[in-house]
Amino acid sequence: MDAVRPQKGDVVMVNRVRTFFALVERVDGRRLAIRPLDPRIDDTLVRPHEIVQVYRAVGRPARPPKRLRPSPRQLRLDDG
């Protein structure tokens, strides 16, 4: 599995005594400042080895250039 370094704004799955999801607020070398998504969890600092998965929003796909879009003729279902 490839190692992914968490960045500010990522959602991470943290495995400590229990597993929970958190938002990364700051990355400082060997520690990450997090805000757990469950308000009952008090942890605010974790180490990278406690992170199980990283979820990152990559944004909407860009519209393809015009040369890659099908022409109206290609989109018609009839042969005529």
PDB file of N, CA and C in Angstrom:
ATOM      1  N   MET A   1       0.839  -1.178   0.000  1.00  0.00           N
ATOM      2  CA  MET A   1       0.000   0.000   0.000  1.00  0.00           C
ATOM      3  C   MET A   1       0.887   1.245   0.000  1.00  0.00           C
ATOM      4  N   ASP A   2       0.553   2.211  -0.823  1.00  0.00           N
ATOM      5  CA  ASP A   2       1.332   3.441  -0.906  1.00  0.00           C
ATOM      6  C   ASP A   2       1.066   4.317   0.306  1.00  0.00           C
ATOM      7  N   ALA A   3       2.113   4.943   0.809  1.00  0.00           N
ATOM      8  CA  ALA A   3       1.964   5.848   1.944  1.00  0.00           C
ATOM      9  C   ALA A   3       1.476   7.204   1.430  1.00  0.00           C
ATOM     10  N   VAL A   4       0.431   7.719   2.053  1.00  0.00           N
ATOM     11  CA  VAL A   4      -0.108   9.025   1.703  1.00  0.00           C
ATOM     12  C   VAL A   4       0.054   9.922   2.917  1.00  0.00           C
ATOM     13  N   ARG A   5       0.663  11.059   2.711  1.00  0.00           N
ATOM     14  CA  ARG A   5       0.833  11.999   3.815  1.00  0.00           C
ATOM     15  C   ARG A   5      -0.407  12.863   3.950  1.00  0.00           C
ATOM     16  N   PRO A   6      -1.017  12.852   5.114  1.00  0.00           N
ATOM     17  CA  PRO A   6      -2.207  13.690   5.311  1.00  0.00           C
ATOM     18  C   PRO A   6      -1.860  15.167   5.206  1.00  0.00           C
ATOM     19  N   GLN A   7      -2.790  15.937   4.667  1.00  0.00           N
ATOM     20  CA  GLN A   7      -2.627  17.374   4.525  1.00  0.00           C
ATOM     21  C   GLN A   7      -3.795  18.060   5.220  1.00  0.00           C
ATOM     22  N   LYS A   8      -3.635  19.355   5.429  1.00  0.00           N
ATOM     23  CA  LYS A   8      -4.700  20.141   6.045  1.00  0.00           C
ATOM     24  C   LYS A   8      -5.963  20.026   5.198  1.00  0.00           C
ATOM     25  N   GLY A   9      -7.094  19.739   5.852  1.00  0.00           N
ATOM     26  CA  GLY A   9      -8.366  19.616   5.155  1.00  0.00           C
ATOM     27  C   GLY A   9      -8.758  18.187   4.824  1.00  0.00           C
ATOM     28  N   ASP A  10      -7.835  17.236   4.957  1.00  0.00           N
ATOM     29  CA  ASP A  10      -8.164  15.836   4.701  1.00  0.00           C
ATOM     30  C   ASP A  10      -9.000  15.269   5.842  1.00  0.00           C
ATOM     31  N   VAL A  11      -9.803  14.285   5.515  1.00  0.00           N
ATOM     32  CA  VAL A  11     -10.509  13.517   6.535  1.00  0.00           C
ATOM     33  C   VAL A  11      -9.714  12.227   6.715  1.00  0.00           C
ATOM     34  N   VAL A  12      -9.415  11.878   7.953  1.00  0.00           N
ATOM     35  CA  VAL A  12      -8.625  10.684   8.236  1.00  0.00           C
ATOM     36  C   VAL A  12      -9.383   9.750   9.161  1.00  0.00           C
ATOM     37  N   MET A  13      -9.083   8.454   9.020  1.00  0.00           N
ATOM     38  CA  MET A  13      -9.600   7.457   9.948  1.00  0.00           C
ATOM     39  C   MET A  13      -8.480   7.166  10.939  1.00  0.00           C
ATOM     40  N   VAL A  14      -8.742   7.402  12.225  1.00  0.00           N
ATOM     41  CA  VAL A  14      -7.731   7.252  13.269  1.00  0.00           C
ATOM     42  C   VAL A  14      -8.045   6.004  14.079  1.00  0.00           C
ATOM     43  N   ASN A  15      -7.024   5.199  14.350  1.00  0.00           N
ATOM     44  CA  ASN A  15      -7.194   3.990  15.155  1.00  0.00           C
ATOM     45  C   ASN A  15      -6.385   4.144  16.428  1.00  0.00           C
ATOM     46  N   ARG A  16      -7.066   4.478  17.493  1.00  0.00           N
ATOM     47  CA  ARG A  16      -6.449   4.540  18.818  1.00  0.00           C
ATOM     48  C   ARG A  16      -7.111   3.472  19.655  1.00  0.00           C
ATOM     49  N   VAL A  17      -7.622   3.805  20.802  1.00  0.00           N
ATOM     50  CA  VAL A  17      -8.375   2.839  21.600  1.00  0.00           C
ATOM     51  C   VAL A  17      -9.616   2.414  20.821  1.00  0.00           C
ATOM     52  N   ARG A  18     -10.211   3.363  20.096  1.00  0.00           N
ATOM     53  CA  ARG A  18     -11.319   3.078  19.197  1.00  0.00           C
ATOM     54  C   ARG A  18     -11.053   3.792  17.876  1.00  0.00           C
ATOM     55  N   THR A  19     -11.744   3.392  16.854  1.00  0.00           N
ATOM     56  CA  THR A  19     -11.557   3.980  15.539  1.00  0.00           C
ATOM     57  C   THR A  19     -12.559   5.110  15.342  1.00  0.00           C
ATOM     58  N   PHE A  20     -12.067   6.251  14.820  1.00  0.00           N
ATOM     59  CA  PHE A  20     -12.945   7.389  14.576  1.00  0.00           C
ATOM     60  C   PHE A  20     -12.419   8.196  13.400  1.00  0.00           C
ATOM     61  N   PHE A  21     -13.281   9.057  12.870  1.00  0.00           N
ATOM     62  CA  PHE A  21     -12.925   9.930  11.758  1.00  0.00           C
ATOM     63  C   PHE A  21     -12.649  11.327  12.293  1.00  0.00           C
ATOM     64  N   ALA A  22     -11.708  12.020  11.644  1.00  0.00           N
ATOM     65  CA  ALA A  22     -11.349  13.371  12.082  1.00  0.00           C
ATOM     66  C   ALA A  22     -10.911  14.203  10.886  1.00  0.00           C
ATOM     67  N   LEU A  23     -10.999  15.507  11.056  1.00  0.00           N
ATOM     68  CA  LEU A  23     -10.552  16.466  10.052  1.00  0.00           C
ATOM     69  C   LEU A  23      -9.168  16.963  10.452  1.00  0.00           C
ATOM     70  N   VAL A  24      -8.224  16.941   9.514  1.00  0.00           N
ATOM     71  CA  VAL A  24      -6.860  17.405   9.797  1.00  0.00           C
ATOM     72  C   VAL A  24      -6.855  18.925   9.750  1.00  0.00           C
ATOM     73  N   GLU A  25      -6.438  19.540  10.843  1.00  0.00           N
ATOM     74  CA  GLU A  25      -6.365  20.992  10.911  1.00  0.00           C
ATOM     75  C   GLU A  25      -4.953  21.531  10.718  1.00  0.00           C
ATOM     76  N   ARG A  26      -3.947  20.733  11.113  1.00  0.00           N
ATOM     77  CA  ARG A  26      -2.555  21.191  10.990  1.00  0.00           C
ATOM     78  C   ARG A  26      -1.637  19.975  11.019  1.00  0.00           C
ATOM     79  N   VAL A  27      -0.568  20.028  10.254  1.00  0.00           N
ATOM     80  CA  VAL A  27       0.437  18.966  10.239  1.00  0.00           C
ATOM     81  C   VAL A  27       1.747  19.566  10.720  1.00  0.00           C
ATOM     82  N   ASP A  28       2.266  19.036  11.825  1.00  0.00           N
ATOM     83  CA  ASP A  28       3.522  19.519  12.404  1.00  0.00           C
ATOM     84  C   ASP A  28       4.505  18.367  12.536  1.00  0.00           C
ATOM     85  N   GLY A  29       5.242  18.076  11.487  1.00  0.00           N
ATOM     86  CA  GLY A  29       6.259  17.039  11.539  1.00  0.00           C
ATOM     87  C   GLY A  29       5.727  15.679  11.944  1.00  0.00           C
ATOM     88  N   ARG A  30       5.888  15.332  13.219  1.00  0.00           N
ATOM     89  CA  ARG A  30       5.485  14.009  13.696  1.00  0.00           C
ATOM     90  C   ARG A  30       4.106  13.972  14.342  1.00  0.00           C
ATOM     91  N   ARG A  31       3.405  15.070  14.342  1.00  0.00           N
ATOM     92  CA  ARG A  31       2.069  15.127  14.940  1.00  0.00           C
ATOM     93  C   ARG A  31       1.098  15.822  14.000  1.00  0.00           C
ATOM     94  N   LEU A  32      -0.168  15.432  14.139  1.00  0.00           N
ATOM     95  CA  LEU A  32      -1.230  16.072  13.377  1.00  0.00           C
ATOM     96  C   LEU A  32      -2.252  16.629  14.355  1.00  0.00           C
ATOM     97  N   ALA A  33      -2.621  17.877  14.159  1.00  0.00           N
ATOM     98  CA  ALA A  33      -3.699  18.468  14.941  1.00  0.00           C
ATOM     99  C   ALA A  33      -4.992  18.130  14.212  1.00  0.00           C
ATOM    100  N   ILE A  34      -5.915  17.483  14.918  1.00  0.00           N
ATOM    101  CA  ILE A  34      -7.159  17.036  14.296  1.00  0.00           C
ATOM    102  C   ILE A  34      -8.367  17.569  15.051  1.00  0.00           C
ATOM    103  N   ARG A  35      -9.517  17.518  14.372  1.00  0.00           N
ATOM    104  CA  ARG A  35     -10.793  17.808  15.009  1.00  0.00           C
ATOM    105  C   ARG A  35     -11.696  16.616  14.721  1.00  0.00           C
ATOM    106  N   PRO A  36     -11.939  15.769  15.728  1.00  0.00           N
ATOM    107  CA  PRO A  36     -12.785  14.593  15.511  1.00  0.00           C
ATOM    108  C   PRO A  36     -14.174  14.997  15.033  1.00  0.00           C
ATOM    109  N   LEU A  37     -14.745  14.205  14.125  1.00  0.00           N
ATOM    110  CA  LEU A  37     -16.078  14.481  13.619  1.00  0.00           C
ATOM    111  C   LEU A  37     -17.148  14.118  14.651  1.00  0.00           C
ATOM    112  N   ASP A  38     -16.813  13.256  15.586  1.00  0.00           N
ATOM    113  CA  ASP A  38     -17.723  12.911  16.680  1.00  0.00           C
ATOM    114  C   ASP A  38     -17.384  13.807  17.869  1.00  0.00           C
ATOM    115  N   PRO A  39     -18.293  14.674  18.301  1.00  0.00           N
ATOM    116  CA  PRO A  39     -17.977  15.620  19.380  1.00  0.00           C
ATOM    117  C   PRO A  39     -17.704  14.946  20.735  1.00  0.00           C
ATOM    118  N   ARG A  40     -18.009  13.671  20.880  1.00  0.00           N
ATOM    119  CA  ARG A  40     -17.749  12.973  22.147  1.00  0.00           C
ATOM    120  C   ARG A  40     -16.280  12.582  22.312  1.00  0.00           C
ATOM    121  N   ILE A  41     -15.495  12.683  21.249  1.00  0.00           N
ATOM    122  CA  ILE A  41     -14.080  12.301  21.292  1.00  0.00           C
ATOM    123  C   ILE A  41     -13.245  13.540  21.555  1.00  0.00           C
ATOM    124  N   ASP A  42     -12.327  13.439  22.523  1.00  0.00           N
ATOM    125  CA  ASP A  42     -11.534  14.584  22.959  1.00  0.00           C
ATOM    126  C   ASP A  42     -10.147  14.673  22.334  1.00  0.00           C
ATOM    127  N   ASP A  43      -9.725  13.663  21.596  1.00  0.00           N
ATOM    128  CA  ASP A  43      -8.373  13.665  21.034  1.00  0.00           C
ATOM    129  C   ASP A  43      -8.187  14.833  20.066  1.00  0.00           C
ATOM    130  N   THR A  44      -7.071  15.536  20.193  1.00  0.00           N
ATOM    131  CA  THR A  44      -6.771  16.634  19.273  1.00  0.00           C
ATOM    132  C   THR A  44      -5.418  16.481  18.599  1.00  0.00           C
ATOM    133  N   LEU A  45      -4.565  15.591  19.088  1.00  0.00           N
ATOM    134  CA  LEU A  45      -3.264  15.337  18.468  1.00  0.00           C
ATOM    135  C   LEU A  45      -3.100  13.840  18.239  1.00  0.00           C
ATOM    136  N   VAL A  46      -2.633  13.474  17.054  1.00  0.00           N
ATOM    137  CA  VAL A  46      -2.352  12.069  16.758  1.00  0.00           C
ATOM    138  C   VAL A  46      -1.018  11.984  16.036  1.00  0.00           C
ATOM    139  N   ARG A  47      -0.453  10.793  16.030  1.00  0.00           N
ATOM    140  CA  ARG A  47       0.788  10.535  15.296  1.00  0.00           C
ATOM    141  C   ARG A  47       0.448   9.853  13.980  1.00  0.00           C
ATOM    142  N   PRO A  48       1.294  10.002  12.981  1.00  0.00           N
ATOM    143  CA  PRO A  48       0.990   9.429  11.659  1.00  0.00           C
ATOM    144  C   PRO A  48       0.735   7.920  11.672  1.00  0.00           C
ATOM    145  N   HIS A  49       1.394   7.167  12.533  1.00  0.00           N
ATOM    146  CA  HIS A  49       1.179   5.716  12.529  1.00  0.00           C
ATOM    147  C   HIS A  49      -0.202   5.328  13.071  1.00  0.00           C
ATOM    148  N   GLU A  50      -0.915   6.260  13.696  1.00  0.00           N
ATOM    149  CA  GLU A  50      -2.264   5.983  14.201  1.00  0.00           C
ATOM    150  C   GLU A  50      -3.333   6.210  13.126  1.00  0.00           C
ATOM    151  N   ILE A  51      -2.934   6.714  11.971  1.00  0.00           N
ATOM    152  CA  ILE A  51      -3.878   6.972  10.887  1.00  0.00           C
ATOM    153  C   ILE A  51      -3.976   5.729  10.015  1.00  0.00           C
ATOM    154  N   VAL A  52      -5.220   5.281   9.823  1.00  0.00           N
ATOM    155  CA  VAL A  52      -5.465   4.075   9.048  1.00  0.00           C
ATOM    156  C   VAL A  52      -5.717   4.405   7.578  1.00  0.00           C
ATOM    157  N   GLN A  53      -6.548   5.417   7.312  1.00  0.00           N
ATOM    158  CA  GLN A  53      -6.857   5.805   5.942  1.00  0.00           C
ATOM    159  C   GLN A  53      -6.951   7.313   5.841  1.00  0.00           C
ATOM    160  N   VAL A  54      -6.690   7.810   4.622  1.00  0.00           N
ATOM    161  CA  VAL A  54      -6.778   9.246   4.336  1.00  0.00           C
ATOM    162  C   VAL A  54      -7.782   9.431   3.210  1.00  0.00           C
ATOM    163  N   TYR A  55      -8.718  10.351   3.407  1.00  0.00           N
ATOM    164  CA  TYR A  55      -9.720  10.680   2.385  1.00  0.00           C
ATOM    165  C   TYR A  55      -9.495  12.125   1.975  1.00  0.00           C
ATOM    166  N   ARG A  56      -9.317  12.329   0.667  1.00  0.00           N
ATOM    167  CA  ARG A  56      -9.013  13.668   0.161  1.00  0.00           C
ATOM    168  C   ARG A  56      -9.975  14.008  -0.964  1.00  0.00           C
ATOM    169  N   ALA A  57     -10.554  15.185  -0.897  1.00  0.00           N
ATOM    170  CA  ALA A  57     -11.423  15.654  -1.972  1.00  0.00           C
ATOM    171  C   ALA A  57     -10.543  16.155  -3.111  1.00  0.00           C
ATOM    172  N   VAL A  58     -10.798  15.677  -4.290  1.00  0.00           N
ATOM    173  CA  VAL A  58      -9.979  16.082  -5.432  1.00  0.00           C
ATOM    174  C   VAL A  58     -10.705  17.068  -6.338  1.00  0.00           C
ATOM    175  N   GLY A  59     -11.942  17.370  -6.047  1.00  0.00           N
ATOM    176  CA  GLY A  59     -12.688  18.353  -6.825  1.00  0.00           C
ATOM    177  C   GLY A  59     -13.448  17.729  -7.977  1.00  0.00           C
ATOM    178  N   ARG A  60     -14.185  18.571  -8.677  1.00  0.00           N
ATOM    179  CA  ARG A  60     -14.966  18.116  -9.828  1.00  0.00           C
ATOM    180  C   ARG A  60     -14.059  17.900 -11.025  1.00  0.00           C
ATOM    181  N   PRO A  61     -14.384  16.913 -11.834  1.00  0.00           N
ATOM    182  CA  PRO A  61     -13.605  16.747 -13.055  1.00  0.00           C
ATOM    183  C   PRO A  61     -13.807  17.932 -13.979  1.00  0.00           C
ATOM    184  N   ALA A  62     -12.787  18.307 -14.676  1.00  0.00           N
ATOM    185  CA  ALA A  62     -12.866  19.436 -15.604  1.00  0.00           C
ATOM    186  C   ALA A  62     -13.619  19.021 -16.866  1.00  0.00           C
ATOM    187  N   ARG A  63     -14.226  19.982 -17.531  1.00  0.00           N
ATOM    188  CA  ARG A  63     -14.912  19.715 -18.790  1.00  0.00           C
ATOM    189  C   ARG A  63     -13.859  19.391 -19.848  1.00  0.00           C
ATOM    190  N   PRO A  64     -14.076  18.338 -20.620  1.00  0.00           N
ATOM    191  CA  PRO A  64     -13.062  17.971 -21.614  1.00  0.00           C
ATOM    192  C   PRO A  64     -12.960  19.032 -22.705  1.00  0.00           C
ATOM    193  N   PRO A  65     -11.808  19.145 -23.338  1.00  0.00           N
ATOM    194  CA  PRO A  65     -11.660  20.105 -24.434  1.00  0.00           C
ATOM    195  C   PRO A  65     -12.635  19.778 -25.569  1.00  0.00           C
ATOM    196  N   LYS A  66     -12.953  20.777 -26.372  1.00  0.00           N
ATOM    197  CA  LYS A  66     -13.943  20.610 -27.426  1.00  0.00           C
ATOM    198  C   LYS A  66     -13.575  19.488 -28.391  1.00  0.00           C
ATOM    199  N   ARG A  67     -12.315  19.319 -28.664  1.00  0.00           N
ATOM    200  CA  ARG A  67     -11.919  18.286 -29.621  1.00  0.00           C
ATOM    201  C   ARG A  67     -12.203  16.876 -29.108  1.00  0.00           C
ATOM    202  N   LEU A  68     -12.405  16.713 -27.806  1.00  0.00           N
ATOM    203  CA  LEU A  68     -12.699  15.392 -27.260  1.00  0.00           C
ATOM    204  C   LEU A  68     -14.199  15.152 -27.065  1.00  0.00           C
ATOM    205  N   ARG A  69     -15.027  16.191 -27.196  1.00  0.00           N
ATOM    206  CA  ARG A  69     -16.476  16.032 -27.040  1.00  0.00           C
ATOM    207  C   ARG A  69     -17.079  15.477 -28.327  1.00  0.00           C
ATOM    208  N   PRO A  70     -18.092  14.607 -28.220  1.00  0.00           N
ATOM    209  CA  PRO A  70     -18.719  14.070 -29.431  1.00  0.00           C
ATOM    210  C   PRO A  70     -19.515  15.154 -30.152  1.00  0.00           C
ATOM    211  N   SER A  71     -19.553  15.038 -31.454  1.00  0.00           N
ATOM    212  CA  SER A  71     -20.331  15.986 -32.257  1.00  0.00           C
ATOM    213  C   SER A  71     -21.809  15.604 -32.183  1.00  0.00           C
ATOM    214  N   PRO A  72     -22.716  16.523 -32.512  1.00  0.00           N
ATOM    215  CA  PRO A  72     -24.146  16.185 -32.507  1.00  0.00           C
ATOM    216  C   PRO A  72     -24.463  14.999 -33.413  1.00  0.00           C
ATOM    217  N   ARG A  73     -23.737  14.881 -34.516  1.00  0.00           N
ATOM    218  CA  ARG A  73     -23.958  13.740 -35.420  1.00  0.00           C
ATOM    219  C   ARG A  73     -23.633  12.420 -34.733  1.00  0.00           C
ATOM    220  N   GLN A  74     -22.595  12.396 -33.922  1.00  0.00           N
ATOM    221  CA  GLN A  74     -22.227  11.171 -33.221  1.00  0.00           C
ATOM    222  C   GLN A  74     -23.250  10.809 -32.140  1.00  0.00           C
ATOM    223  N   LEU A  75     -23.962  11.791 -31.621  1.00  0.00           N
ATOM    224  CA  LEU A  75     -24.918  11.535 -30.550  1.00  0.00           C
ATOM    225  C   LEU A  75     -26.281  11.092 -31.061  1.00  0.00           C
ATOM    226  N   ARG A  76     -26.560  11.247 -32.365  1.00  0.00           N
ATOM    227  CA  ARG A  76     -27.843  10.804 -32.926  1.00  0.00           C
ATOM    228  C   ARG A  76     -27.905   9.289 -32.961  1.00  0.00           C
ATOM    229  N   LEU A  77     -29.096   8.759 -32.709  1.00  0.00           N
ATOM    230  CA  LEU A  77     -29.278   7.321 -32.709  1.00  0.00           C
ATOM    231  C   LEU A  77     -29.658   6.767 -34.083  1.00  0.00           C
ATOM    232  N   ASP A  78     -30.199   7.599 -34.939  1.00  0.00           N
ATOM    233  CA  ASP A  78     -30.587   7.125 -36.263  1.00  0.00           C
ATOM    234  C   ASP A  78     -29.394   7.148 -37.212  1.00  0.00           C
ATOM    235  N   ASP A  79     -29.448   6.330 -38.222  1.00  0.00           N
ATOM    236  CA  ASP A  79     -28.344   6.239 -39.198  1.00  0.00           C
ATOM    237  C   ASP A  79     -28.464   7.263 -40.307  1.00  0.00           C
ATOM    238  N   GLY A  80     -29.604   7.934 -40.435  1.00  0.00           N
ATOM    239  CA  GLY A  80     -29.844   8.796 -41.561  1.00  0.00           C
ATOM    240  C   GLY A  80     -29.491  10.172 -41.277  1.00  0.00           C
TER     241      GLY A  80
END
